[in-house]
N, C-alpha and C. Protein backbone atom coordinates (compact mmCIF):
# COMPACT_ATOMS: atom_id res chain seq x y z
N MET A 1 85.97 -63.19 -38.95
CA MET A 1 86.13 -62.26 -37.83
C MET A 1 87.60 -62.28 -37.37
N ARG A 2 88.09 -61.12 -37.00
CA ARG A 2 89.47 -61.00 -36.56
C ARG A 2 89.50 -60.48 -35.12
N ILE A 3 90.21 -61.20 -34.25
CA ILE A 3 90.31 -60.83 -32.84
C ILE A 3 91.77 -60.71 -32.45
N ALA A 4 92.11 -59.61 -31.78
CA ALA A 4 93.44 -59.42 -31.22
C ALA A 4 93.39 -59.72 -29.73
N ILE A 5 94.38 -60.44 -29.24
CA ILE A 5 94.48 -60.81 -27.83
C ILE A 5 95.76 -60.19 -27.26
N ALA A 6 95.64 -59.52 -26.11
CA ALA A 6 96.82 -58.95 -25.47
C ALA A 6 96.88 -59.40 -24.01
N ASP A 7 97.85 -60.25 -23.72
CA ASP A 7 98.06 -60.76 -22.37
C ASP A 7 99.52 -61.20 -22.28
N ASP A 8 100.18 -60.90 -21.17
CA ASP A 8 101.60 -61.21 -21.09
C ASP A 8 101.90 -62.62 -20.60
N HIS A 9 100.87 -63.48 -20.50
CA HIS A 9 101.07 -64.87 -20.09
C HIS A 9 100.81 -65.79 -21.29
N PRO A 10 101.84 -66.38 -21.90
CA PRO A 10 101.67 -67.22 -23.09
C PRO A 10 100.74 -68.40 -22.89
N ILE A 11 100.78 -69.02 -21.73
CA ILE A 11 99.91 -70.18 -21.49
C ILE A 11 98.45 -69.76 -21.50
N PHE A 12 98.17 -68.63 -20.88
CA PHE A 12 96.78 -68.15 -20.88
C PHE A 12 96.34 -67.81 -22.29
N ARG A 13 97.21 -67.15 -23.07
CA ARG A 13 96.85 -66.82 -24.45
C ARG A 13 96.57 -68.08 -25.26
N SER A 14 97.34 -69.15 -25.02
CA SER A 14 97.14 -70.40 -25.73
C SER A 14 95.77 -70.99 -25.43
N GLY A 15 95.38 -70.97 -24.15
CA GLY A 15 94.06 -71.48 -23.77
C GLY A 15 92.94 -70.65 -24.34
N LEU A 16 93.16 -69.34 -24.38
CA LEU A 16 92.16 -68.43 -24.92
C LEU A 16 92.00 -68.65 -26.43
N ARG A 17 93.09 -68.83 -27.10
CA ARG A 17 93.04 -69.11 -28.55
C ARG A 17 92.23 -70.39 -28.82
N PHE A 18 92.49 -71.44 -28.04
CA PHE A 18 91.76 -72.70 -28.24
C PHE A 18 90.26 -72.49 -28.04
N LEU A 19 89.90 -71.77 -26.98
CA LEU A 19 88.48 -71.50 -26.70
C LEU A 19 87.83 -70.76 -27.86
N LEU A 20 88.48 -69.74 -28.35
CA LEU A 20 87.90 -68.92 -29.41
C LEU A 20 87.81 -69.68 -30.72
N GLU A 21 88.86 -70.42 -31.06
CA GLU A 21 88.86 -71.14 -32.34
C GLU A 21 87.83 -72.27 -32.36
N THR A 22 87.50 -72.83 -31.20
CA THR A 22 86.48 -73.87 -31.16
C THR A 22 85.07 -73.29 -31.09
N SER A 23 84.96 -72.00 -30.85
CA SER A 23 83.65 -71.36 -30.70
C SER A 23 83.22 -70.56 -31.92
N PHE A 24 84.20 -70.10 -32.71
CA PHE A 24 83.88 -69.25 -33.85
C PHE A 24 84.58 -69.76 -35.11
N PRO A 25 83.83 -70.04 -36.16
CA PRO A 25 84.44 -70.49 -37.41
C PRO A 25 85.09 -69.32 -38.15
N GLU A 26 86.05 -69.63 -38.99
CA GLU A 26 86.70 -68.62 -39.84
C GLU A 26 87.21 -67.45 -39.00
N LEU A 27 87.90 -67.79 -37.93
CA LEU A 27 88.41 -66.77 -37.02
C LEU A 27 89.91 -66.58 -37.20
N GLU A 28 90.33 -65.33 -37.30
CA GLU A 28 91.75 -65.00 -37.32
C GLU A 28 92.12 -64.38 -35.97
N ILE A 29 93.15 -64.93 -35.32
CA ILE A 29 93.58 -64.44 -34.01
C ILE A 29 95.01 -63.93 -34.10
N ILE A 30 95.23 -62.72 -33.55
CA ILE A 30 96.56 -62.14 -33.50
C ILE A 30 96.90 -61.93 -32.03
N GLU A 31 98.07 -62.39 -31.59
CA GLU A 31 98.44 -62.33 -30.18
C GLU A 31 99.53 -61.28 -29.92
N PHE A 32 99.40 -60.64 -28.73
CA PHE A 32 100.39 -59.65 -28.30
C PHE A 32 100.65 -59.84 -26.82
N GLU A 33 101.84 -59.44 -26.39
CA GLU A 33 102.19 -59.62 -24.98
C GLU A 33 102.36 -58.30 -24.23
N ASN A 34 102.14 -57.16 -24.92
CA ASN A 34 102.23 -55.87 -24.23
C ASN A 34 101.27 -54.86 -24.86
N GLY A 35 101.04 -53.80 -24.12
CA GLY A 35 100.06 -52.82 -24.53
C GLY A 35 100.43 -52.00 -25.74
N SER A 36 101.69 -51.62 -25.87
CA SER A 36 102.08 -50.77 -26.98
C SER A 36 101.91 -51.48 -28.32
N ALA A 37 102.25 -52.77 -28.37
CA ALA A 37 102.15 -53.52 -29.63
C ALA A 37 100.71 -53.71 -30.07
N VAL A 38 99.84 -54.04 -29.12
CA VAL A 38 98.44 -54.26 -29.50
C VAL A 38 97.77 -52.94 -29.87
N SER A 39 98.14 -51.86 -29.20
CA SER A 39 97.57 -50.56 -29.53
C SER A 39 97.95 -50.14 -30.94
N GLU A 40 99.23 -50.31 -31.28
CA GLU A 40 99.70 -49.96 -32.62
C GLU A 40 98.98 -50.80 -33.68
N TYR A 41 98.81 -52.09 -33.40
CA TYR A 41 98.14 -52.97 -34.36
C TYR A 41 96.68 -52.55 -34.57
N CYS A 42 95.97 -52.30 -33.46
CA CYS A 42 94.54 -51.97 -33.57
C CYS A 42 94.32 -50.66 -34.32
N LEU A 43 95.17 -49.70 -34.09
CA LEU A 43 95.03 -48.42 -34.79
C LEU A 43 95.29 -48.56 -36.28
N ALA A 44 96.18 -49.47 -36.66
CA ALA A 44 96.52 -49.64 -38.07
C ALA A 44 95.58 -50.59 -38.80
N ASN A 45 95.03 -51.59 -38.09
CA ASN A 45 94.28 -52.66 -38.75
C ASN A 45 92.82 -52.77 -38.35
N ILE A 46 92.44 -52.18 -37.23
CA ILE A 46 91.06 -52.16 -36.73
C ILE A 46 90.42 -53.56 -36.76
N PRO A 47 90.86 -54.47 -35.90
CA PRO A 47 90.22 -55.79 -35.81
C PRO A 47 88.79 -55.64 -35.30
N ASP A 48 88.00 -56.69 -35.46
CA ASP A 48 86.62 -56.63 -34.97
C ASP A 48 86.58 -56.48 -33.45
N ILE A 49 87.46 -57.20 -32.77
CA ILE A 49 87.47 -57.22 -31.31
C ILE A 49 88.92 -57.25 -30.82
N VAL A 50 89.18 -56.57 -29.72
CA VAL A 50 90.45 -56.74 -29.02
C VAL A 50 90.14 -57.13 -27.58
N ILE A 51 90.84 -58.14 -27.09
CA ILE A 51 90.67 -58.61 -25.72
C ILE A 51 91.91 -58.21 -24.94
N LEU A 52 91.73 -57.39 -23.90
CA LEU A 52 92.84 -56.81 -23.17
C LEU A 52 92.87 -57.26 -21.72
N ASP A 53 94.04 -57.67 -21.26
CA ASP A 53 94.25 -57.85 -19.83
C ASP A 53 94.57 -56.48 -19.24
N ILE A 54 94.20 -56.25 -17.97
CA ILE A 54 94.52 -54.96 -17.35
C ILE A 54 96.00 -54.88 -17.02
N ASP A 55 96.52 -55.92 -16.37
CA ASP A 55 97.90 -55.90 -15.90
C ASP A 55 98.86 -56.35 -16.99
N MET A 56 99.15 -55.41 -17.89
CA MET A 56 100.12 -55.66 -18.97
C MET A 56 101.21 -54.62 -18.91
N PRO A 57 102.40 -54.95 -19.39
CA PRO A 57 103.45 -53.94 -19.44
C PRO A 57 103.24 -52.93 -20.56
N ALA A 58 103.47 -51.71 -20.25
CA ALA A 58 103.73 -50.60 -21.20
C ALA A 58 102.83 -50.49 -22.43
N PRO A 59 101.68 -49.86 -22.35
CA PRO A 59 100.90 -49.46 -21.19
C PRO A 59 99.94 -50.58 -20.77
N ASN A 60 99.20 -50.37 -19.66
CA ASN A 60 98.27 -51.41 -19.21
C ASN A 60 97.00 -51.41 -20.06
N GLY A 61 96.14 -52.41 -19.82
CA GLY A 61 94.95 -52.57 -20.65
C GLY A 61 93.99 -51.41 -20.61
N LEU A 62 93.83 -50.77 -19.46
CA LEU A 62 92.91 -49.63 -19.37
C LEU A 62 93.45 -48.44 -20.15
N GLU A 63 94.77 -48.27 -20.12
CA GLU A 63 95.38 -47.18 -20.88
C GLU A 63 95.25 -47.42 -22.38
N VAL A 64 95.42 -48.67 -22.79
CA VAL A 64 95.22 -49.01 -24.21
C VAL A 64 93.78 -48.73 -24.61
N CYS A 65 92.86 -49.14 -23.77
CA CYS A 65 91.43 -48.91 -24.02
C CYS A 65 91.16 -47.42 -24.21
N SER A 66 91.66 -46.62 -23.30
CA SER A 66 91.46 -45.17 -23.38
C SER A 66 92.09 -44.59 -24.64
N ASP A 67 93.30 -45.03 -24.97
CA ASP A 67 93.99 -44.50 -26.16
C ASP A 67 93.23 -44.84 -27.44
N LEU A 68 92.70 -46.06 -27.52
CA LEU A 68 91.96 -46.46 -28.72
C LEU A 68 90.69 -45.64 -28.87
N ARG A 69 90.02 -45.39 -27.77
CA ARG A 69 88.78 -44.60 -27.85
C ARG A 69 89.07 -43.14 -28.20
N LYS A 70 90.15 -42.60 -27.66
CA LYS A 70 90.50 -41.22 -27.99
C LYS A 70 90.85 -41.09 -29.47
N ALA A 71 91.40 -42.16 -30.03
CA ALA A 71 91.75 -42.18 -31.46
C ALA A 71 90.54 -42.55 -32.33
N LYS A 72 89.38 -42.75 -31.67
CA LYS A 72 88.14 -43.10 -32.37
C LYS A 72 88.25 -44.42 -33.13
N CYS A 73 89.04 -45.35 -32.59
CA CYS A 73 89.14 -46.69 -33.16
C CYS A 73 87.82 -47.42 -32.94
N GLU A 74 87.28 -48.04 -33.98
CA GLU A 74 85.97 -48.67 -33.91
C GLU A 74 86.00 -50.12 -33.42
N THR A 75 87.18 -50.63 -33.11
CA THR A 75 87.29 -51.99 -32.60
C THR A 75 86.52 -52.14 -31.28
N LYS A 76 85.77 -53.22 -31.15
CA LYS A 76 85.09 -53.52 -29.89
C LYS A 76 86.14 -53.98 -28.86
N ILE A 77 86.01 -53.51 -27.64
CA ILE A 77 87.02 -53.78 -26.62
C ILE A 77 86.44 -54.59 -25.47
N ILE A 78 87.11 -55.71 -25.17
CA ILE A 78 86.75 -56.53 -24.01
C ILE A 78 87.90 -56.50 -23.02
N ILE A 79 87.61 -56.15 -21.78
CA ILE A 79 88.58 -56.25 -20.71
C ILE A 79 88.42 -57.63 -20.08
N LEU A 80 89.47 -58.43 -20.11
CA LEU A 80 89.47 -59.78 -19.53
C LEU A 80 90.50 -59.78 -18.41
N THR A 81 90.04 -59.88 -17.16
CA THR A 81 90.91 -59.59 -16.03
C THR A 81 90.63 -60.48 -14.83
N MET A 82 91.55 -60.50 -13.90
CA MET A 82 91.33 -61.24 -12.65
C MET A 82 90.57 -60.39 -11.63
N TYR A 83 90.36 -59.09 -11.93
CA TYR A 83 89.72 -58.20 -10.96
C TYR A 83 88.21 -58.36 -10.96
N ASN A 84 87.70 -59.02 -9.95
CA ASN A 84 86.25 -59.19 -9.78
C ASN A 84 85.75 -58.03 -8.92
N ASP A 85 85.81 -56.83 -9.48
CA ASP A 85 85.68 -55.60 -8.70
C ASP A 85 84.78 -54.60 -9.41
N PRO A 86 83.65 -54.21 -8.80
CA PRO A 86 82.74 -53.26 -9.45
C PRO A 86 83.39 -51.93 -9.79
N GLU A 87 84.30 -51.45 -8.93
CA GLU A 87 84.95 -50.18 -9.20
C GLU A 87 85.88 -50.27 -10.40
N MET A 88 86.58 -51.40 -10.53
CA MET A 88 87.44 -51.58 -11.70
C MET A 88 86.59 -51.70 -12.97
N LEU A 89 85.44 -52.34 -12.84
CA LEU A 89 84.52 -52.44 -13.97
C LEU A 89 84.06 -51.05 -14.42
N LYS A 90 83.71 -50.21 -13.45
CA LYS A 90 83.29 -48.84 -13.79
C LYS A 90 84.41 -48.09 -14.50
N LEU A 91 85.63 -48.28 -14.01
CA LEU A 91 86.77 -47.61 -14.62
C LEU A 91 86.98 -48.10 -16.05
N ALA A 92 86.78 -49.40 -16.26
CA ALA A 92 86.93 -49.96 -17.61
C ALA A 92 85.91 -49.35 -18.56
N PHE A 93 84.66 -49.25 -18.12
CA PHE A 93 83.62 -48.67 -18.98
C PHE A 93 83.85 -47.18 -19.19
N TYR A 94 84.36 -46.49 -18.16
CA TYR A 94 84.66 -45.07 -18.33
C TYR A 94 85.71 -44.88 -19.43
N ASN A 95 86.68 -45.78 -19.49
CA ASN A 95 87.74 -45.68 -20.49
C ASN A 95 87.34 -46.21 -21.86
N GLY A 96 86.11 -46.71 -21.99
CA GLY A 96 85.60 -47.05 -23.31
C GLY A 96 85.41 -48.52 -23.61
N ALA A 97 85.51 -49.39 -22.60
CA ALA A 97 85.32 -50.82 -22.84
C ALA A 97 83.87 -51.13 -23.23
N ASP A 98 83.72 -52.17 -24.04
CA ASP A 98 82.38 -52.65 -24.41
C ASP A 98 81.96 -53.85 -23.56
N GLY A 99 82.95 -54.59 -23.06
CA GLY A 99 82.65 -55.78 -22.25
C GLY A 99 83.69 -55.96 -21.16
N TYR A 100 83.28 -56.63 -20.08
CA TYR A 100 84.18 -56.87 -18.94
C TYR A 100 83.92 -58.28 -18.46
N VAL A 101 84.96 -59.13 -18.51
CA VAL A 101 84.83 -60.53 -18.14
C VAL A 101 85.93 -60.87 -17.14
N VAL A 102 85.58 -61.62 -16.10
CA VAL A 102 86.55 -62.04 -15.09
C VAL A 102 87.18 -63.37 -15.53
N LYS A 103 88.50 -63.49 -15.40
CA LYS A 103 89.22 -64.66 -15.91
C LYS A 103 88.74 -65.97 -15.30
N ASP A 104 88.29 -65.95 -14.05
CA ASP A 104 87.82 -67.19 -13.42
C ASP A 104 86.65 -67.80 -14.18
N ASN A 105 85.92 -66.97 -14.92
CA ASN A 105 84.72 -67.43 -15.62
C ASN A 105 84.87 -67.36 -17.14
N THR A 106 86.11 -67.36 -17.61
CA THR A 106 86.37 -67.13 -19.03
C THR A 106 85.60 -68.07 -19.95
N SER A 107 85.70 -69.37 -19.70
CA SER A 107 85.11 -70.33 -20.63
C SER A 107 83.60 -70.22 -20.67
N GLU A 108 82.99 -69.81 -19.57
CA GLU A 108 81.53 -69.70 -19.52
C GLU A 108 81.01 -68.42 -20.14
N GLU A 109 81.78 -67.36 -20.03
CA GLU A 109 81.23 -66.04 -20.36
C GLU A 109 81.77 -65.38 -21.62
N LEU A 110 82.99 -65.68 -21.99
CA LEU A 110 83.61 -64.89 -23.06
C LEU A 110 82.84 -65.00 -24.37
N VAL A 111 82.39 -66.18 -24.71
CA VAL A 111 81.63 -66.34 -25.95
C VAL A 111 80.35 -65.53 -25.90
N ASP A 112 79.64 -65.57 -24.76
CA ASP A 112 78.43 -64.76 -24.61
C ASP A 112 78.75 -63.27 -24.72
N CYS A 113 79.88 -62.89 -24.12
CA CYS A 113 80.29 -61.49 -24.16
C CYS A 113 80.52 -61.03 -25.60
N ILE A 114 81.20 -61.86 -26.38
CA ILE A 114 81.48 -61.49 -27.78
C ILE A 114 80.19 -61.33 -28.57
N HIS A 115 79.28 -62.28 -28.42
CA HIS A 115 77.99 -62.17 -29.13
C HIS A 115 77.25 -60.90 -28.71
N THR A 116 77.31 -60.59 -27.42
CA THR A 116 76.58 -59.43 -26.89
C THR A 116 77.13 -58.12 -27.44
N ILE A 117 78.45 -57.95 -27.40
CA ILE A 117 79.00 -56.67 -27.85
C ILE A 117 78.91 -56.51 -29.36
N LEU A 118 78.95 -57.63 -30.10
CA LEU A 118 78.79 -57.53 -31.55
C LEU A 118 77.37 -57.12 -31.93
N SER A 119 76.42 -57.34 -31.01
CA SER A 119 75.04 -56.92 -31.26
C SER A 119 74.82 -55.46 -30.86
N GLY A 120 75.88 -54.82 -30.38
CA GLY A 120 75.78 -53.40 -30.04
C GLY A 120 75.49 -53.10 -28.58
N LYS A 121 75.52 -54.13 -27.73
CA LYS A 121 75.24 -53.93 -26.32
C LYS A 121 76.52 -54.08 -25.50
N SER A 122 76.47 -53.64 -24.25
CA SER A 122 77.59 -53.81 -23.33
C SER A 122 77.42 -55.12 -22.57
N TYR A 123 78.55 -55.68 -22.11
CA TYR A 123 78.49 -56.92 -21.33
C TYR A 123 79.23 -56.72 -20.02
N LEU A 124 78.55 -57.04 -18.91
CA LEU A 124 79.11 -56.96 -17.58
C LEU A 124 79.30 -58.36 -17.02
N ALA A 125 80.43 -58.59 -16.37
CA ALA A 125 80.71 -59.90 -15.80
C ALA A 125 79.58 -60.37 -14.91
N LYS A 126 79.17 -61.62 -15.09
CA LYS A 126 78.04 -62.18 -14.34
C LYS A 126 78.27 -62.12 -12.84
N SER A 127 79.49 -62.41 -12.39
CA SER A 127 79.76 -62.43 -10.95
C SER A 127 79.56 -61.06 -10.33
N ILE A 128 79.87 -60.00 -11.09
CA ILE A 128 79.67 -58.64 -10.57
C ILE A 128 78.20 -58.26 -10.64
N ARG A 129 77.52 -58.66 -11.71
CA ARG A 129 76.09 -58.38 -11.80
C ARG A 129 75.34 -58.99 -10.62
N GLU A 130 75.74 -60.20 -10.24
CA GLU A 130 75.04 -60.88 -9.15
C GLU A 130 75.36 -60.28 -7.78
N SER A 131 76.59 -59.79 -7.60
CA SER A 131 76.97 -59.21 -6.31
C SER A 131 76.57 -57.74 -6.20
N GLU A 132 76.39 -57.09 -7.35
CA GLU A 132 76.00 -55.67 -7.37
C GLU A 132 74.77 -55.53 -8.27
N PRO A 133 73.59 -55.96 -7.80
CA PRO A 133 72.41 -55.98 -8.66
C PRO A 133 71.96 -54.61 -9.16
N TYR A 134 72.42 -53.55 -8.50
CA TYR A 134 71.99 -52.22 -8.92
C TYR A 134 73.01 -51.54 -9.82
N PHE A 135 74.14 -52.27 -10.08
CA PHE A 135 75.12 -51.67 -10.97
C PHE A 135 74.59 -51.73 -12.40
N ASP A 136 74.68 -50.61 -13.07
CA ASP A 136 74.14 -50.53 -14.42
C ASP A 136 74.91 -49.47 -15.19
N THR A 137 75.41 -49.80 -16.37
CA THR A 137 76.13 -48.80 -17.15
C THR A 137 75.18 -47.72 -17.67
N SER A 138 73.88 -47.87 -17.47
CA SER A 138 72.95 -46.83 -17.92
C SER A 138 73.09 -45.56 -17.11
N ASP A 139 73.79 -45.64 -15.94
CA ASP A 139 74.02 -44.39 -15.21
C ASP A 139 74.98 -43.50 -16.01
N ASN A 140 75.64 -44.11 -17.01
CA ASN A 140 76.37 -43.38 -18.04
C ASN A 140 77.33 -42.36 -17.48
N ILE A 141 78.20 -42.79 -16.60
CA ILE A 141 79.15 -41.90 -15.97
C ILE A 141 80.06 -41.25 -17.01
N ALA A 142 80.51 -42.05 -17.98
CA ALA A 142 81.40 -41.51 -19.01
C ALA A 142 80.73 -40.37 -19.78
N GLU A 143 79.46 -40.55 -20.11
CA GLU A 143 78.75 -39.51 -20.86
C GLU A 143 78.60 -38.25 -20.02
N LEU A 144 78.29 -38.42 -18.73
CA LEU A 144 78.15 -37.27 -17.84
C LEU A 144 79.48 -36.52 -17.71
N LEU A 145 80.56 -37.27 -17.48
CA LEU A 145 81.86 -36.63 -17.35
C LEU A 145 82.29 -35.96 -18.64
N GLY A 146 81.83 -36.51 -19.76
CA GLY A 146 82.17 -35.93 -21.05
C GLY A 146 81.57 -34.55 -21.27
N THR A 147 80.59 -34.17 -20.46
CA THR A 147 79.98 -32.84 -20.58
C THR A 147 80.78 -31.77 -19.85
N LEU A 148 81.75 -32.20 -19.03
CA LEU A 148 82.52 -31.24 -18.23
C LEU A 148 83.67 -30.65 -19.03
N THR A 149 83.96 -29.39 -18.76
CA THR A 149 85.12 -28.75 -19.38
C THR A 149 86.39 -29.25 -18.69
N ARG A 150 87.55 -28.95 -19.30
CA ARG A 150 88.82 -29.35 -18.70
C ARG A 150 88.99 -28.73 -17.31
N THR A 151 88.58 -27.48 -17.15
CA THR A 151 88.67 -26.82 -15.84
C THR A 151 87.77 -27.50 -14.82
N GLU A 152 86.57 -27.89 -15.26
CA GLU A 152 85.64 -28.56 -14.36
C GLU A 152 86.15 -29.94 -13.96
N LEU A 153 86.78 -30.65 -14.91
CA LEU A 153 87.36 -31.95 -14.58
C LEU A 153 88.50 -31.81 -13.58
N LYS A 154 89.32 -30.77 -13.76
CA LYS A 154 90.41 -30.54 -12.81
C LYS A 154 89.85 -30.24 -11.43
N THR A 155 88.79 -29.44 -11.39
CA THR A 155 88.14 -29.13 -10.11
C THR A 155 87.60 -30.40 -9.47
N LEU A 156 87.00 -31.26 -10.28
CA LEU A 156 86.42 -32.50 -9.78
C LEU A 156 87.49 -33.38 -9.15
N LYS A 157 88.64 -33.48 -9.79
CA LYS A 157 89.74 -34.28 -9.25
C LYS A 157 90.22 -33.72 -7.91
N LEU A 158 90.26 -32.41 -7.79
CA LEU A 158 90.70 -31.79 -6.54
C LEU A 158 89.65 -31.96 -5.44
N VAL A 159 88.39 -31.93 -5.82
CA VAL A 159 87.32 -32.19 -4.84
C VAL A 159 87.45 -33.61 -4.31
N SER A 160 87.81 -34.55 -5.18
CA SER A 160 87.95 -35.95 -4.76
C SER A 160 89.08 -36.14 -3.76
N GLN A 161 89.99 -35.17 -3.70
CA GLN A 161 91.08 -35.21 -2.72
C GLN A 161 90.69 -34.55 -1.41
N LYS A 162 89.40 -34.22 -1.29
CA LYS A 162 88.82 -33.63 -0.08
C LYS A 162 89.40 -32.25 0.24
N LEU A 163 89.75 -31.51 -0.80
CA LEU A 163 90.26 -30.16 -0.62
C LEU A 163 89.10 -29.17 -0.52
N SER A 164 89.29 -28.14 0.26
CA SER A 164 88.28 -27.10 0.39
C SER A 164 88.29 -26.20 -0.84
N SER A 165 87.25 -25.39 -1.00
CA SER A 165 87.21 -24.46 -2.13
C SER A 165 88.37 -23.49 -2.08
N LYS A 166 88.77 -23.07 -0.87
CA LYS A 166 89.91 -22.16 -0.73
C LYS A 166 91.20 -22.85 -1.19
N GLU A 167 91.40 -24.10 -0.79
CA GLU A 167 92.60 -24.83 -1.20
C GLU A 167 92.63 -25.05 -2.71
N ILE A 168 91.45 -25.37 -3.29
CA ILE A 168 91.37 -25.56 -4.74
C ILE A 168 91.66 -24.25 -5.46
N ALA A 169 91.11 -23.15 -4.94
CA ALA A 169 91.34 -21.84 -5.55
C ALA A 169 92.83 -21.51 -5.56
N ASP A 170 93.52 -21.78 -4.46
CA ASP A 170 94.96 -21.50 -4.39
C ASP A 170 95.74 -22.32 -5.41
N LEU A 171 95.36 -23.60 -5.57
CA LEU A 171 96.07 -24.47 -6.50
C LEU A 171 95.80 -24.09 -7.96
N MET A 172 94.60 -23.58 -8.23
CA MET A 172 94.23 -23.24 -9.60
C MET A 172 94.46 -21.76 -9.94
N PHE A 173 94.91 -21.00 -8.93
CA PHE A 173 95.18 -19.57 -9.12
C PHE A 173 93.93 -18.81 -9.58
N VAL A 174 92.81 -19.11 -8.94
CA VAL A 174 91.56 -18.41 -9.21
C VAL A 174 90.95 -18.02 -7.87
N SER A 175 89.84 -17.32 -7.93
CA SER A 175 89.17 -16.90 -6.70
C SER A 175 88.31 -18.04 -6.15
N VAL A 176 88.00 -17.94 -4.86
CA VAL A 176 87.11 -18.92 -4.24
C VAL A 176 85.75 -18.88 -4.92
N LYS A 177 85.30 -17.68 -5.31
CA LYS A 177 84.02 -17.55 -6.00
C LYS A 177 84.03 -18.33 -7.32
N SER A 178 85.14 -18.29 -8.03
CA SER A 178 85.24 -19.04 -9.29
C SER A 178 85.11 -20.54 -9.04
N VAL A 179 85.78 -21.02 -7.98
CA VAL A 179 85.69 -22.45 -7.65
C VAL A 179 84.26 -22.82 -7.30
N GLU A 180 83.58 -21.98 -6.54
CA GLU A 180 82.19 -22.26 -6.20
C GLU A 180 81.32 -22.31 -7.46
N ASN A 181 81.63 -21.46 -8.42
CA ASN A 181 80.88 -21.49 -9.68
C ASN A 181 81.16 -22.78 -10.45
N TYR A 182 82.45 -23.22 -10.46
CA TYR A 182 82.79 -24.48 -11.11
C TYR A 182 82.01 -25.63 -10.47
N ARG A 183 82.02 -25.64 -9.15
CA ARG A 183 81.34 -26.73 -8.42
C ARG A 183 79.85 -26.73 -8.72
N SER A 184 79.26 -25.55 -8.79
CA SER A 184 77.83 -25.45 -9.09
C SER A 184 77.51 -25.97 -10.48
N ARG A 185 78.37 -25.62 -11.46
CA ARG A 185 78.13 -26.09 -12.82
C ARG A 185 78.32 -27.61 -12.91
N ILE A 186 79.32 -28.12 -12.19
CA ILE A 186 79.55 -29.58 -12.18
C ILE A 186 78.32 -30.29 -11.62
N CYS A 187 77.80 -29.80 -10.51
CA CYS A 187 76.61 -30.42 -9.90
C CYS A 187 75.44 -30.43 -10.87
N LYS A 188 75.27 -29.34 -11.59
CA LYS A 188 74.17 -29.25 -12.55
C LYS A 188 74.34 -30.28 -13.66
N LYS A 189 75.57 -30.41 -14.17
CA LYS A 189 75.82 -31.35 -15.27
C LYS A 189 75.73 -32.81 -14.82
N LEU A 190 76.05 -33.07 -13.54
CA LEU A 190 75.99 -34.44 -13.01
C LEU A 190 74.64 -34.75 -12.36
N ASN A 191 73.72 -33.80 -12.48
CA ASN A 191 72.37 -33.98 -11.91
C ASN A 191 72.41 -34.17 -10.40
N LEU A 192 73.24 -33.35 -9.73
CA LEU A 192 73.38 -33.43 -8.28
C LEU A 192 72.81 -32.19 -7.61
N ASP A 193 72.34 -32.36 -6.38
CA ASP A 193 71.93 -31.23 -5.56
C ASP A 193 73.20 -30.53 -5.10
N ALA A 194 73.31 -29.24 -5.33
CA ALA A 194 74.53 -28.51 -4.98
C ALA A 194 74.71 -28.39 -3.48
N ARG A 195 73.70 -28.74 -2.71
CA ARG A 195 73.79 -28.63 -1.25
C ARG A 195 74.18 -29.97 -0.63
N ASN A 196 74.40 -29.94 0.67
CA ASN A 196 74.59 -31.16 1.48
C ASN A 196 75.78 -32.02 1.05
N ASN A 197 76.83 -31.38 0.54
CA ASN A 197 78.05 -32.12 0.18
C ASN A 197 77.81 -33.22 -0.85
N SER A 198 76.80 -33.05 -1.68
CA SER A 198 76.47 -34.12 -2.64
C SER A 198 77.60 -34.35 -3.64
N LEU A 199 78.33 -33.29 -4.02
CA LEU A 199 79.42 -33.46 -4.98
C LEU A 199 80.55 -34.27 -4.36
N LEU A 200 80.91 -33.95 -3.12
CA LEU A 200 81.97 -34.71 -2.44
C LEU A 200 81.58 -36.18 -2.30
N LEU A 201 80.33 -36.44 -1.92
CA LEU A 201 79.88 -37.82 -1.77
C LEU A 201 79.92 -38.55 -3.11
N TRP A 202 79.57 -37.84 -4.18
CA TRP A 202 79.57 -38.46 -5.52
C TRP A 202 80.98 -38.83 -5.95
N VAL A 203 81.93 -37.90 -5.77
CA VAL A 203 83.29 -38.19 -6.23
C VAL A 203 83.94 -39.28 -5.38
N LEU A 204 83.60 -39.34 -4.10
CA LEU A 204 84.15 -40.40 -3.26
C LEU A 204 83.59 -41.76 -3.67
N ASP A 205 82.33 -41.78 -4.09
CA ASP A 205 81.70 -43.02 -4.52
C ASP A 205 82.27 -43.49 -5.86
N HIS A 206 82.78 -42.56 -6.65
CA HIS A 206 83.31 -42.89 -7.97
C HIS A 206 84.81 -42.56 -8.06
N LYS A 207 85.50 -42.66 -6.95
CA LYS A 207 86.89 -42.18 -6.89
C LYS A 207 87.81 -42.91 -7.86
N SER A 208 87.60 -44.22 -8.02
CA SER A 208 88.48 -44.96 -8.94
C SER A 208 88.36 -44.43 -10.36
N ILE A 209 87.17 -43.97 -10.73
CA ILE A 209 86.96 -43.41 -12.06
C ILE A 209 87.59 -42.03 -12.15
N ILE A 210 87.38 -41.21 -11.13
CA ILE A 210 87.96 -39.86 -11.11
C ILE A 210 89.48 -39.94 -11.19
N ASP A 211 90.07 -40.87 -10.43
CA ASP A 211 91.52 -41.02 -10.44
C ASP A 211 92.05 -41.41 -11.81
N GLY A 212 91.21 -42.04 -12.63
CA GLY A 212 91.64 -42.47 -13.96
C GLY A 212 91.56 -41.39 -15.02
N ILE A 213 91.01 -40.22 -14.67
CA ILE A 213 90.92 -39.12 -15.63
C ILE A 213 92.30 -38.53 -15.84
N LYS A 214 92.72 -38.38 -17.09
CA LYS A 214 94.04 -37.83 -17.38
C LYS A 214 93.92 -36.32 -17.61
């Protein structure tokens, strides 16, 4: 098995290497300290797994994750981060991560995470699962957003900024009626009731994910 590690802290990478080499036989590990280098390597060599820190220089781990998925790279992706945050976890899965592990629990969870994602399942950090018992990737936000057109995604981002249909229409150079039609189609695709501000409430609840849409 071949695993790529990307983290800009050499001491942490050293500890991670020791953990992995003692847990998996016949393991090849390749280390990187920035996002551009690991992205280039994964696209050219397609390792079995890449472990990405979020806070890396040029580009960050979430951007690398997104770029690999857009390129249809088949490498399994684990986000290993200090962010014990359900919203960051959602953003990671939206960008195509297979697993999310918090650094405080690395030694306990990373091996389980690797076994889980290699079996074809997603892995969520235990600390977040316990604090957010109703969080589940089965709500499949990424799949739902993937059904939207580019115009609908742009509309969604503007809705998340709490702009009115008139303000959105002015920014998009379309009629208010067109914006209302976009909003209606978005609600239908996201399985939302078009009434009672349900779309605004949805985007505010998932704002970190909406903000990550390019």
